[in-house]
Amino acid sequence: ARRGASDFTDPFDYAGWWNAYGVLWLQIESVEAVTRAHLLAR
């Protein structure tokens, strides 16, 4: 059920595509997280 799985037969091709496609968010919900935002944004 992976997004885009049917478009690839080679695992390395899929992995390269995914790493340039998937979007990762981190939710910050505290004063501590806000003041460390620049460190969390790796």
PDB file of all heavy atoms in Angstrom:
ATOM      1  N   ALA A   1       0.814  -1.224   0.000  1.00  0.00           N
ATOM      2  CA  ALA A   1       0.000   0.000   0.000  1.00  0.00           C
ATOM      3  C   ALA A   1       0.843   1.268   0.000  1.00  0.00           C
ATOM      4  O   ALA A   1       0.290   2.364  -0.003  1.00  0.00           O
ATOM      5  CB  ALA A   1      -0.940   0.000   1.208  1.00  0.00           C
ATOM      6  N   ARG A   2       2.159   1.136   0.002  1.00  0.00           N
ATOM      7  CA  ARG A   2       3.029   2.326  -0.014  1.00  0.00           C
ATOM      8  C   ARG A   2       2.688   3.247  -1.181  1.00  0.00           C
ATOM      9  O   ARG A   2       2.409   2.790  -2.278  1.00  0.00           O
ATOM     10  CB  ARG A   2       4.500   1.918  -0.171  1.00  0.00           C
ATOM     11  CG  ARG A   2       5.179   1.358   1.038  1.00  0.00           C
ATOM     12  CD  ARG A   2       6.555   0.801   0.680  1.00  0.00           C
ATOM     13  NE  ARG A   2       6.438  -0.355  -0.183  1.00  0.00           N
ATOM     14  CZ  ARG A   2       7.016  -0.466  -1.374  1.00  0.00           C
ATOM     15  NH1 ARG A   2       7.720   0.532  -1.880  1.00  0.00           N
ATOM     16  NH2 ARG A   2       6.868  -1.573  -2.089  1.00  0.00           N
ATOM     17  N   ARG A   3       2.750   4.543  -0.913  1.00  0.00           N
ATOM     18  CA  ARG A   3       2.521   5.505  -2.005  1.00  0.00           C
ATOM     19  C   ARG A   3       3.575   5.283  -3.085  1.00  0.00           C
ATOM     20  O   ARG A   3       4.777   5.243  -2.816  1.00  0.00           O
ATOM     21  CB  ARG A   3       2.607   6.936  -1.465  1.00  0.00           C
ATOM     22  CG  ARG A   3       2.263   8.020  -2.484  1.00  0.00           C
ATOM     23  CD  ARG A   3       0.814   7.871  -3.001  1.00  0.00           C
ATOM     24  NE  ARG A   3       0.379   9.028  -3.736  1.00  0.00           N
ATOM     25  CZ  ARG A   3      -0.518   9.911  -3.278  1.00  0.00           C
ATOM     26  NH1 ARG A   3      -1.074   9.753  -2.100  1.00  0.00           N
ATOM     27  NH2 ARG A   3      -0.855  10.947  -4.010  1.00  0.00           N
ATOM     28  N   GLY A   4       3.126   5.139  -4.321  1.00  0.00           N
ATOM     29  CA  GLY A   4       4.023   4.998  -5.457  1.00  0.00           C
ATOM     30  C   GLY A   4       4.622   3.622  -5.633  1.00  0.00           C
ATOM     31  O   GLY A   4       5.440   3.420  -6.543  1.00  0.00           O
ATOM     32  N   ALA A   5       4.225   2.636  -4.819  1.00  0.00           N
ATOM     33  CA  ALA A   5       4.852   1.315  -4.870  1.00  0.00           C
ATOM     34  C   ALA A   5       4.690   0.653  -6.233  1.00  0.00           C
ATOM     35  O   ALA A   5       5.606  -0.032  -6.710  1.00  0.00           O
ATOM     36  CB  ALA A   5       4.275   0.422  -3.779  1.00  0.00           C
ATOM     37  N   SER A   6       3.540   0.858  -6.868  1.00  0.00           N
ATOM     38  CA  SER A   6       3.275   0.192  -8.138  1.00  0.00           C
ATOM     39  C   SER A   6       4.106   0.764  -9.288  1.00  0.00           C
ATOM     40  O   SER A   6       4.172   0.163 -10.373  1.00  0.00           O
ATOM     41  CB  SER A   6       1.790   0.290  -8.491  1.00  0.00           C
ATOM     42  OG  SER A   6       1.396   1.647  -8.640  1.00  0.00           O
ATOM     43  N   ASP A   7       4.761   1.890  -9.062  1.00  0.00           N
ATOM     44  CA  ASP A   7       5.538   2.527 -10.123  1.00  0.00           C
ATOM     45  C   ASP A   7       6.988   2.066 -10.167  1.00  0.00           C
ATOM     46  O   ASP A   7       7.743   2.481 -11.053  1.00  0.00           O
ATOM     47  CB  ASP A   7       5.519   4.047  -9.950  1.00  0.00           C
ATOM     48  CG  ASP A   7       4.125   4.636 -10.074  1.00  0.00           C
ATOM     49  OD1 ASP A   7       3.317   4.071 -10.838  1.00  0.00           O
ATOM     50  OD2 ASP A   7       3.841   5.641  -9.396  1.00  0.00           O
ATOM     51  N   PHE A   8       7.383   1.216  -9.221  1.00  0.00           N
ATOM     52  CA  PHE A   8       8.788   0.815  -9.128  1.00  0.00           C
ATOM     53  C   PHE A   8       8.900  -0.697  -8.953  1.00  0.00           C
ATOM     54  O   PHE A   8       8.096  -1.317  -8.263  1.00  0.00           O
ATOM     55  CB  PHE A   8       9.464   1.498  -7.936  1.00  0.00           C
ATOM     56  CG  PHE A   8       9.540   2.994  -8.044  1.00  0.00           C
ATOM     57  CD1 PHE A   8       8.483   3.787  -7.601  1.00  0.00           C
ATOM     58  CD2 PHE A   8      10.647   3.618  -8.593  1.00  0.00           C
ATOM     59  CE1 PHE A   8       8.545   5.170  -7.704  1.00  0.00           C
ATOM     60  CE2 PHE A   8      10.717   4.997  -8.697  1.00  0.00           C
ATOM     61  CZ  PHE A   8       9.658   5.777  -8.257  1.00  0.00           C
ATOM     62  N   THR A   9       9.919  -1.269  -9.588  1.00  0.00           N
ATOM     63  CA  THR A   9      10.246  -2.671  -9.380  1.00  0.00           C
ATOM     64  C   THR A   9      11.546  -2.840  -8.615  1.00  0.00           C
ATOM     65  O   THR A   9      11.751  -3.861  -7.965  1.00  0.00           O
ATOM     66  CB  THR A   9      10.353  -3.410 -10.724  1.00  0.00           C
ATOM     67  OG1 THR A   9      11.335  -2.758 -11.546  1.00  0.00           O
ATOM     68  CG2 THR A   9       9.003  -3.405 -11.448  1.00  0.00           C
ATOM     69  N   ASP A  10      12.403  -1.849  -8.674  1.00  0.00           N
ATOM     70  CA  ASP A  10      13.706  -1.915  -7.995  1.00  0.00           C
ATOM     71  C   ASP A  10      13.618  -1.196  -6.650  1.00  0.00           C
ATOM     72  O   ASP A  10      13.258  -0.005  -6.604  1.00  0.00           O
ATOM     73  CB  ASP A  10      14.777  -1.244  -8.856  1.00  0.00           C
ATOM     74  CG  ASP A  10      16.163  -1.386  -8.273  1.00  0.00           C
ATOM     75  OD1 ASP A  10      16.432  -0.750  -7.228  1.00  0.00           O
ATOM     76  OD2 ASP A  10      16.978  -2.127  -8.840  1.00  0.00           O
ATOM     77  N   PRO A  11      13.928  -1.877  -5.552  1.00  0.00           N
ATOM     78  CA  PRO A  11      13.847  -1.242  -4.223  1.00  0.00           C
ATOM     79  C   PRO A  11      14.724  -0.005  -4.091  1.00  0.00           C
ATOM     80  O   PRO A  11      14.342   0.959  -3.416  1.00  0.00           O
ATOM     81  CB  PRO A  11      14.319  -2.345  -3.273  1.00  0.00           C
ATOM     82  CG  PRO A  11      14.051  -3.608  -3.999  1.00  0.00           C
ATOM     83  CD  PRO A  11      14.281  -3.299  -5.447  1.00  0.00           C
ATOM     84  N   PHE A  12      15.877   0.001  -4.734  1.00  0.00           N
ATOM     85  CA  PHE A  12      16.778   1.154  -4.634  1.00  0.00           C
ATOM     86  C   PHE A  12      16.194   2.354  -5.368  1.00  0.00           C
ATOM     87  O   PHE A  12      16.341   3.497  -4.912  1.00  0.00           O
ATOM     88  CB  PHE A  12      18.162   0.798  -5.178  1.00  0.00           C
ATOM     89  CG  PHE A  12      18.945  -0.104  -4.271  1.00  0.00           C
ATOM     90  CD1 PHE A  12      18.829  -1.484  -4.381  1.00  0.00           C
ATOM     91  CD2 PHE A  12      19.777   0.426  -3.295  1.00  0.00           C
ATOM     92  CE1 PHE A  12      19.534  -2.321  -3.543  1.00  0.00           C
ATOM     93  CE2 PHE A  12      20.486  -0.400  -2.447  1.00  0.00           C
ATOM     94  CZ  PHE A  12      20.370  -1.787  -2.565  1.00  0.00           C
ATOM     95  N   ASP A  13      15.545   2.092  -6.502  1.00  0.00           N
ATOM     96  CA  ASP A  13      14.900   3.189  -7.222  1.00  0.00           C
ATOM     97  C   ASP A  13      13.771   3.779  -6.379  1.00  0.00           C
ATOM     98  O   ASP A  13      13.609   5.006  -6.302  1.00  0.00           O
ATOM     99  CB  ASP A  13      14.336   2.701  -8.556  1.00  0.00           C
ATOM    100  CG  ASP A  13      15.418   2.398  -9.572  1.00  0.00           C
ATOM    101  OD1 ASP A  13      16.563   2.854  -9.370  1.00  0.00           O
ATOM    102  OD2 ASP A  13      15.108   1.694 -10.560  1.00  0.00           O
ATOM    103  N   TYR A  14      12.984   2.900  -5.765  1.00  0.00           N
ATOM    104  CA  TYR A  14      11.887   3.403  -4.931  1.00  0.00           C
ATOM    105  C   TYR A  14      12.422   4.200  -3.749  1.00  0.00           C
ATOM    106  O   TYR A  14      11.903   5.280  -3.428  1.00  0.00           O
ATOM    107  CB  TYR A  14      11.006   2.259  -4.425  1.00  0.00           C
ATOM    108  CG  TYR A  14       9.863   2.758  -3.573  1.00  0.00           C
ATOM    109  CD1 TYR A  14       8.679   3.198  -4.162  1.00  0.00           C
ATOM    110  CD2 TYR A  14       9.988   2.868  -2.185  1.00  0.00           C
ATOM    111  CE1 TYR A  14       7.641   3.703  -3.394  1.00  0.00           C
ATOM    112  CE2 TYR A  14       8.953   3.377  -1.409  1.00  0.00           C
ATOM    113  CZ  TYR A  14       7.784   3.783  -2.019  1.00  0.00           C
ATOM    114  OH  TYR A  14       6.776   4.306  -1.245  1.00  0.00           O
ATOM    115  N   ALA A  15      13.447   3.677  -3.100  1.00  0.00           N
ATOM    116  CA  ALA A  15      14.007   4.358  -1.932  1.00  0.00           C
ATOM    117  C   ALA A  15      14.519   5.742  -2.291  1.00  0.00           C
ATOM    118  O   ALA A  15      14.295   6.714  -1.553  1.00  0.00           O
ATOM    119  CB  ALA A  15      15.135   3.511  -1.329  1.00  0.00           C
ATOM    120  N   GLY A  16      15.183   5.849  -3.433  1.00  0.00           N
ATOM    121  CA  GLY A  16      15.671   7.151  -3.861  1.00  0.00           C
ATOM    122  C   GLY A  16      14.534   8.107  -4.156  1.00  0.00           C
ATOM    123  O   GLY A  16      14.595   9.299  -3.807  1.00  0.00           O
ATOM    124  N   TRP A  17      13.489   7.584  -4.809  1.00  0.00           N
ATOM    125  CA  TRP A  17      12.330   8.416  -5.089  1.00  0.00           C
ATOM    126  C   TRP A  17      11.667   8.875  -3.802  1.00  0.00           C
ATOM    127  O   TRP A  17      11.355  10.061  -3.643  1.00  0.00           O
ATOM    128  CB  TRP A  17      11.322   7.638  -5.937  1.00  0.00           C
ATOM    129  CG  TRP A  17      10.007   8.346  -6.097  1.00  0.00           C
ATOM    130  CD1 TRP A  17       9.726   9.351  -6.981  1.00  0.00           C
ATOM    131  CD2 TRP A  17       8.815   8.113  -5.334  1.00  0.00           C
ATOM    132  NE1 TRP A  17       8.414   9.763  -6.811  1.00  0.00           N
ATOM    133  CE2 TRP A  17       7.837   9.024  -5.809  1.00  0.00           C
ATOM    134  CE3 TRP A  17       8.477   7.243  -4.305  1.00  0.00           C
ATOM    135  CZ2 TRP A  17       6.551   9.086  -5.283  1.00  0.00           C
ATOM    136  CZ3 TRP A  17       7.197   7.291  -3.777  1.00  0.00           C
ATOM    137  CH2 TRP A  17       6.246   8.196  -4.256  1.00  0.00           C
ATOM    138  N   TRP A  18      11.431   7.941  -2.877  1.00  0.00           N
ATOM    139  CA  TRP A  18      10.751   8.297  -1.635  1.00  0.00           C
ATOM    140  C   TRP A  18      11.521   9.363  -0.850  1.00  0.00           C
ATOM    141  O   TRP A  18      10.932  10.317  -0.327  1.00  0.00           O
ATOM    142  CB  TRP A  18      10.528   7.074  -0.736  1.00  0.00           C
ATOM    143  CG  TRP A  18      10.036   7.517   0.604  1.00  0.00           C
ATOM    144  CD1 TRP A  18      10.759   7.711   1.755  1.00  0.00           C
ATOM    145  CD2 TRP A  18       8.700   7.956   0.916  1.00  0.00           C
ATOM    146  NE1 TRP A  18       9.972   8.219   2.760  1.00  0.00           N
ATOM    147  CE2 TRP A  18       8.703   8.374   2.256  1.00  0.00           C
ATOM    148  CE3 TRP A  18       7.513   8.011   0.185  1.00  0.00           C
ATOM    149  CZ2 TRP A  18       7.553   8.853   2.893  1.00  0.00           C
ATOM    150  CZ3 TRP A  18       6.376   8.484   0.810  1.00  0.00           C
ATOM    151  CH2 TRP A  18       6.402   8.894   2.147  1.00  0.00           C
ATOM    152  N   ASN A  19      12.827   9.187  -0.746  1.00  0.00           N
ATOM    153  CA  ASN A  19      13.625  10.123   0.047  1.00  0.00           C
ATOM    154  C   ASN A  19      13.566  11.539  -0.504  1.00  0.00           C
ATOM    155  O   ASN A  19      13.817  12.502   0.225  1.00  0.00           O
ATOM    156  CB  ASN A  19      15.078   9.650   0.135  1.00  0.00           C
ATOM    157  CG  ASN A  19      15.250   8.466   1.066  1.00  0.00           C
ATOM    158  OD1 ASN A  19      14.303   8.011   1.708  1.00  0.00           O
ATOM    159  ND2 ASN A  19      16.470   7.946   1.147  1.00  0.00           N
ATOM    160  N   ALA A  20      13.221  11.680  -1.782  1.00  0.00           N
ATOM    161  CA  ALA A  20      13.070  13.010  -2.390  1.00  0.00           C
ATOM    162  C   ALA A  20      11.607  13.438  -2.459  1.00  0.00           C
ATOM    163  O   ALA A  20      11.318  14.543  -2.918  1.00  0.00           O
ATOM    164  CB  ALA A  20      13.669  13.007  -3.802  1.00  0.00           C
ATOM    165  N   TYR A  21      10.694  12.587  -1.985  1.00  0.00           N
ATOM    166  CA  TYR A  21       9.254  12.839  -2.132  1.00  0.00           C
ATOM    167  C   TYR A  21       8.550  13.043  -0.795  1.00  0.00           C
ATOM    168  O   TYR A  21       7.755  13.974  -0.621  1.00  0.00           O
ATOM    169  CB  TYR A  21       8.620  11.661  -2.874  1.00  0.00           C
ATOM    170  CG  TYR A  21       7.112  11.732  -2.987  1.00  0.00           C
ATOM    171  CD1 TYR A  21       6.504  12.463  -4.004  1.00  0.00           C
ATOM    172  CD2 TYR A  21       6.288  11.045  -2.094  1.00  0.00           C
ATOM    173  CE1 TYR A  21       5.115  12.514  -4.128  1.00  0.00           C
ATOM    174  CE2 TYR A  21       4.898  11.096  -2.202  1.00  0.00           C
ATOM    175  CZ  TYR A  21       4.323  11.832  -3.218  1.00  0.00           C
ATOM    176  OH  TYR A  21       2.963  11.893  -3.326  1.00  0.00           O
ATOM    177  N   GLY A  22       8.788  12.151   0.165  1.00  0.00           N
ATOM    178  CA  GLY A  22       8.072  12.186   1.441  1.00  0.00           C
ATOM    179  C   GLY A  22       8.364  13.451   2.240  1.00  0.00           C
ATOM    180  O   GLY A  22       9.462  14.003   2.182  1.00  0.00           O
ATOM    181  N   VAL A  23       7.363  13.894   2.985  1.00  0.00           N
ATOM    182  CA  VAL A  23       7.464  15.154   3.743  1.00  0.00           C
ATOM    183  C   VAL A  23       7.336  14.860   5.238  1.00  0.00           C
ATOM    184  O   VAL A  23       6.351  14.273   5.682  1.00  0.00           O
ATOM    185  CB  VAL A  23       6.363  16.140   3.290  1.00  0.00           C
ATOM    186  CG1 VAL A  23       6.340  17.368   4.199  1.00  0.00           C
ATOM    187  CG2 VAL A  23       6.598  16.559   1.840  1.00  0.00           C
ATOM    188  N   LEU A  24       8.320  15.299   6.002  1.00  0.00           N
ATOM    189  CA  LEU A  24       8.340  15.060   7.442  1.00  0.00           C
ATOM    190  C   LEU A  24       8.134  16.365   8.207  1.00  0.00           C
ATOM    191  O   LEU A  24       8.904  17.310   8.068  1.00  0.00           O
ATOM    192  CB  LEU A  24       9.688  14.446   7.852  1.00  0.00           C
ATOM    193  CG  LEU A  24       9.876  14.181   9.350  1.00  0.00           C
ATOM    194  CD1 LEU A  24       8.828  13.211   9.888  1.00  0.00           C
ATOM    195  CD2 LEU A  24      11.285  13.660   9.623  1.00  0.00           C
ATOM    196  N   TRP A  25       7.054  16.392   9.007  1.00  0.00           N
ATOM    197  CA  TRP A  25       6.768  17.524   9.887  1.00  0.00           C
ATOM    198  C   TRP A  25       7.034  17.118  11.334  1.00  0.00           C
ATOM    199  O   TRP A  25       6.753  15.976  11.733  1.00  0.00           O
ATOM    200  CB  TRP A  25       5.297  17.912   9.845  1.00  0.00           C
ATOM    201  CG  TRP A  25       4.761  18.489   8.589  1.00  0.00           C
ATOM    202  CD1 TRP A  25       5.344  18.545   7.368  1.00  0.00           C
ATOM    203  CD2 TRP A  25       3.456  19.082   8.451  1.00  0.00           C
ATOM    204  NE1 TRP A  25       4.488  19.138   6.468  1.00  0.00           N
ATOM    205  CE2 TRP A  25       3.330  19.470   7.104  1.00  0.00           C
ATOM    206  CE3 TRP A  25       2.397  19.309   9.326  1.00  0.00           C
ATOM    207  CZ2 TRP A  25       2.175  20.090   6.618  1.00  0.00           C
ATOM    208  CZ3 TRP A  25       1.258  19.915   8.843  1.00  0.00           C
ATOM    209  CH2 TRP A  25       1.152  20.311   7.498  1.00  0.00           C
ATOM    210  N   LEU A  26       7.493  18.064  12.109  1.00  0.00           N
ATOM    211  CA  LEU A  26       7.553  17.921  13.561  1.00  0.00           C
ATOM    212  C   LEU A  26       6.666  18.999  14.153  1.00  0.00           C
ATOM    213  O   LEU A  26       6.800  20.179  13.803  1.00  0.00           O
ATOM    214  CB  LEU A  26       8.991  18.081  14.075  1.00  0.00           C
ATOM    215  CG  LEU A  26      10.035  17.153  13.451  1.00  0.00           C
ATOM    216  CD1 LEU A  26      11.411  17.491  14.018  1.00  0.00           C
ATOM    217  CD2 LEU A  26       9.701  15.694  13.682  1.00  0.00           C
ATOM    218  N   GLN A  27       5.767  18.615  15.042  1.00  0.00           N
ATOM    219  CA  GLN A  27       4.845  19.588  15.635  1.00  0.00           C
ATOM    220  C   GLN A  27       5.425  20.098  16.952  1.00  0.00           C
ATOM    221  O   GLN A  27       5.798  19.307  17.826  1.00  0.00           O
ATOM    222  CB  GLN A  27       3.472  18.955  15.869  1.00  0.00           C
ATOM    223  CG  GLN A  27       2.398  19.978  16.202  1.00  0.00           C
ATOM    224  CD  GLN A  27       1.006  19.371  16.212  1.00  0.00           C
ATOM    225  OE1 GLN A  27       0.851  18.158  16.309  1.00  0.00           O
ATOM    226  NE2 GLN A  27      -0.012  20.201  16.119  1.00  0.00           N
ATOM    227  N   ILE A  28       5.511  21.412  17.077  1.00  0.00           N
ATOM    228  CA  ILE A  28       6.045  22.018  18.295  1.00  0.00           C
ATOM    229  C   ILE A  28       4.886  22.666  19.054  1.00  0.00           C
ATOM    230  O   ILE A  28       4.163  23.485  18.519  1.00  0.00           O
ATOM    231  CB  ILE A  28       7.177  23.030  17.984  1.00  0.00           C
ATOM    232  CG1 ILE A  28       6.750  24.051  16.930  1.00  0.00           C
ATOM    233  CG2 ILE A  28       8.410  22.287  17.489  1.00  0.00           C
ATOM    234  CD1 ILE A  28       7.806  25.107  16.667  1.00  0.00           C
ATOM    235  N   GLU A  29       4.765  22.263  20.336  1.00  0.00           N
ATOM    236  CA  GLU A  29       3.567  22.626  21.091  1.00  0.00           C
ATOM    237  C   GLU A  29       3.892  23.079  22.512  1.00  0.00           C
ATOM    238  O   GLU A  29       3.029  23.035  23.386  1.00  0.00           O
ATOM    239  CB  GLU A  29       2.615  21.429  21.131  1.00  0.00           C
ATOM    240  CG  GLU A  29       2.279  20.894  19.747  1.00  0.00           C
ATOM    241  CD  GLU A  29       1.334  19.716  19.777  1.00  0.00           C
ATOM    242  OE1 GLU A  29       0.135  19.931  20.059  1.00  0.00           O
ATOM    243  OE2 GLU A  29       1.791  18.580  19.528  1.00  0.00           O
ATOM    244  N   SER A  30       5.121  23.533  22.725  1.00  0.00           N
ATOM    245  CA  SER A  30       5.515  24.002  24.052  1.00  0.00           C
ATOM    246  C   SER A  30       6.519  25.129  23.918  1.00  0.00           C
ATOM    247  O   SER A  30       7.168  25.288  22.872  1.00  0.00           O
ATOM    248  CB  SER A  30       6.138  22.865  24.871  1.00  0.00           C
ATOM    249  OG  SER A  30       7.384  22.477  24.317  1.00  0.00           O
ATOM    250  N   VAL A  31       6.653  25.905  24.980  1.00  0.00           N
ATOM    251  CA  VAL A  31       7.641  26.980  25.001  1.00  0.00           C
ATOM    252  C   VAL A  31       9.038  26.407  24.782  1.00  0.00           C
ATOM    253  O   VAL A  31       9.858  26.977  24.049  1.00  0.00           O
ATOM    254  CB  VAL A  31       7.570  27.752  26.339  1.00  0.00           C
ATOM    255  CG1 VAL A  31       8.755  28.684  26.492  1.00  0.00           C
ATOM    256  CG2 VAL A  31       6.263  28.535  26.426  1.00  0.00           C
ATOM    257  N   GLU A  32       9.306  25.266  25.412  1.00  0.00           N
ATOM    258  CA  GLU A  32      10.631  24.650  25.281  1.00  0.00           C
ATOM    259  C   GLU A  32      10.926  24.280  23.831  1.00  0.00           C
ATOM    260  O   GLU A  32      12.042  24.499  23.329  1.00  0.00           O
ATOM    261  CB  GLU A  32      10.706  23.400  26.172  1.00  0.00           C
ATOM    262  CG  GLU A  32      10.676  23.670  27.655  1.00  0.00           C
ATOM    263  CD  GLU A  32       9.283  23.929  28.219  1.00  0.00           C
ATOM    264  OE1 GLU A  32       8.282  23.800  27.452  1.00  0.00           O
ATOM    265  OE2 GLU A  32       9.178  24.265  29.409  1.00  0.00           O
ATOM    266  N   ALA A  33       9.924  23.722  23.137  1.00  0.00           N
ATOM    267  CA  ALA A  33      10.121  23.349  21.739  1.00  0.00           C
ATOM    268  C   ALA A  33      10.304  24.571  20.852  1.00  0.00           C
ATOM    269  O   ALA A  33      11.131  24.567  19.931  1.00  0.00           O
ATOM    270  CB  ALA A  33       8.937  22.515  21.251  1.00  0.00           C
ATOM    271  N   VAL A  34       9.551  25.614  21.131  1.00  0.00           N
ATOM    272  CA  VAL A  34       9.665  26.836  20.331  1.00  0.00           C
ATOM    273  C   VAL A  34      11.064  27.431  20.439  1.00  0.00           C
ATOM    274  O   VAL A  34      11.674  27.812  19.436  1.00  0.00           O
ATOM    275  CB  VAL A  34       8.601  27.867  20.776  1.00  0.00           C
ATOM    276  CG1 VAL A  34       8.895  29.238  20.185  1.00  0.00           C
ATOM    277  CG2 VAL A  34       7.212  27.403  20.356  1.00  0.00           C
ATOM    278  N   THR A  35      11.588  27.505  21.640  1.00  0.00           N
ATOM    279  CA  THR A  35      12.905  28.117  21.824  1.00  0.00           C
ATOM    280  C   THR A  35      14.033  27.242  21.287  1.00  0.00           C
ATOM    281  O   THR A  35      15.138  27.731  21.050  1.00  0.00           O
ATOM    282  CB  THR A  35      13.158  28.425  23.317  1.00  0.00           C
ATOM    283  OG1 THR A  35      13.003  27.218  24.083  1.00  0.00           O
ATOM    284  CG2 THR A  35      12.181  29.473  23.821  1.00  0.00           C
ATOM    285  N   ARG A  36      13.759  25.958  21.042  1.00  0.00           N
ATOM    286  CA  ARG A  36      14.759  25.042  20.486  1.00  0.00           C
ATOM    287  C   ARG A  36      14.452  24.711  19.029  1.00  0.00           C
ATOM    288  O   ARG A  36      15.049  23.770  18.469  1.00  0.00           O
ATOM    289  CB  ARG A  36      14.811  23.751  21.296  1.00  0.00           C
ATOM    290  CG  ARG A  36      15.186  23.922  22.754  1.00  0.00           C
ATOM    291  CD  ARG A  36      15.421  22.574  23.445  1.00  0.00           C
ATOM    292  NE  ARG A  36      16.674  21.980  22.996  1.00  0.00           N
ATOM    293  CZ  ARG A  36      16.753  20.894  22.228  1.00  0.00           C
ATOM    294  NH1 ARG A  36      15.644  20.304  21.795  1.00  0.00           N
ATOM    295  NH2 ARG A  36      17.932  20.396  21.881  1.00  0.00           N
ATOM    296  N   ALA A  37      13.579  25.453  18.416  1.00  0.00           N
ATOM    297  CA  ALA A  37      13.122  25.125  17.065  1.00  0.00           C
ATOM    298  C   ALA A  37      14.284  25.003  16.081  1.00  0.00           C
ATOM    299  O   ALA A  37      14.320  24.093  15.244  1.00  0.00           O
ATOM    300  CB  ALA A  37      12.124  26.164  16.576  1.00  0.00           C
ATOM    301  N   HIS A  38      15.240  25.898  16.178  1.00  0.00           N
ATOM    302  CA  HIS A  38      16.361  25.877  15.232  1.00  0.00           C
ATOM    303  C   HIS A  38      17.213  24.621  15.393  1.00  0.00           C
ATOM    304  O   HIS A  38      17.902  24.203  14.450  1.00  0.00           O
ATOM    305  CB  HIS A  38      17.219  27.129  15.408  1.00  0.00           C
ATOM    306  CG  HIS A  38      17.864  27.255  16.744  1.00  0.00           C
ATOM    307  ND1 HIS A  38      17.147  27.475  17.900  1.00  0.00           N
ATOM    308  CD2 HIS A  38      19.174  27.179  17.125  1.00  0.00           C
ATOM    309  CE1 HIS A  38      17.971  27.539  18.932  1.00  0.00           C
ATOM    310  NE2 HIS A  38      19.196  27.356  18.489  1.00  0.00           N
ATOM    311  N   LEU A  39      17.181  24.001  16.581  1.00  0.00           N
ATOM    312  CA  LEU A  39      17.925  22.771  16.810  1.00  0.00           C
ATOM    313  C   LEU A  39      17.138  21.545  16.361  1.00  0.00           C
ATOM    314  O   LEU A  39      17.723  20.540  15.938  1.00  0.00           O
ATOM    315  CB  LEU A  39      18.282  22.635  18.299  1.00  0.00           C
ATOM    316  CG  LEU A  39      19.152  23.752  18.885  1.00  0.00           C
ATOM    317  CD1 LEU A  39      19.314  23.563  20.388  1.00  0.00           C
ATOM    318  CD2 LEU A  39      20.515  23.777  18.184  1.00  0.00           C
ATOM    319  N   LEU A  40      15.810  21.631  16.445  1.00  0.00           N
ATOM    320  CA  LEU A  40      14.960  20.532  16.003  1.00  0.00           C
ATOM    321  C   LEU A  40      14.906  20.442  14.478  1.00  0.00           C
ATOM    322  O   LEU A  40      14.643  19.367  13.927  1.00  0.00           O
ATOM    323  CB  LEU A  40      13.547  20.712  16.551  1.00  0.00           C
ATOM    324  CG  LEU A  40      13.404  20.752  18.082  1.00  0.00           C
ATOM    325  CD1 LEU A  40      11.952  21.031  18.468  1.00  0.00           C
ATOM    326  CD2 LEU A  40      13.893  19.462  18.725  1.00  0.00           C
ATOM    327  N   ALA A  41      15.150  21.559  13.809  1.00  0.00           N
ATOM    328  CA  ALA A  41      15.040  21.631  12.346  1.00  0.00           C
ATOM    329  C   ALA A  41      16.291  21.056  11.684  1.00  0.00           C
ATOM    330  O   ALA A  41      17.016  21.744  10.962  1.00  0.00           O
ATOM    331  CB  ALA A  41      14.813  23.072  11.913  1.00  0.00           C
ATOM    332  N   ARG A  42      16.520  19.779  11.893  1.00  0.00           N
ATOM    333  CA  ARG A  42      17.702  19.119  11.348  1.00  0.00           C
ATOM    334  C   ARG A  42      17.514  18.758   9.878  1.00  0.00           C
ATOM    335  O   ARG A  42      16.397  18.763   9.350  1.00  0.00           O
ATOM    336  CB  ARG A  42      18.001  17.852  12.165  1.00  0.00           C
ATOM    337  CG  ARG A  42      18.490  18.134  13.562  1.00  0.00           C
ATOM    338  CD  ARG A  42      18.631  16.866  14.388  1.00  0.00           C
ATOM    339  NE  ARG A  42      19.365  15.812  13.705  1.00  0.00           N
ATOM    340  CZ  ARG A  42      19.628  14.623  14.237  1.00  0.00           C
ATOM    341  NH1 ARG A  42      19.229  14.346  15.477  1.00  0.00           N
ATOM    342  NH2 ARG A  42      20.297  13.709  13.554  1.00  0.00           N
TER     343      ARG A  42
END
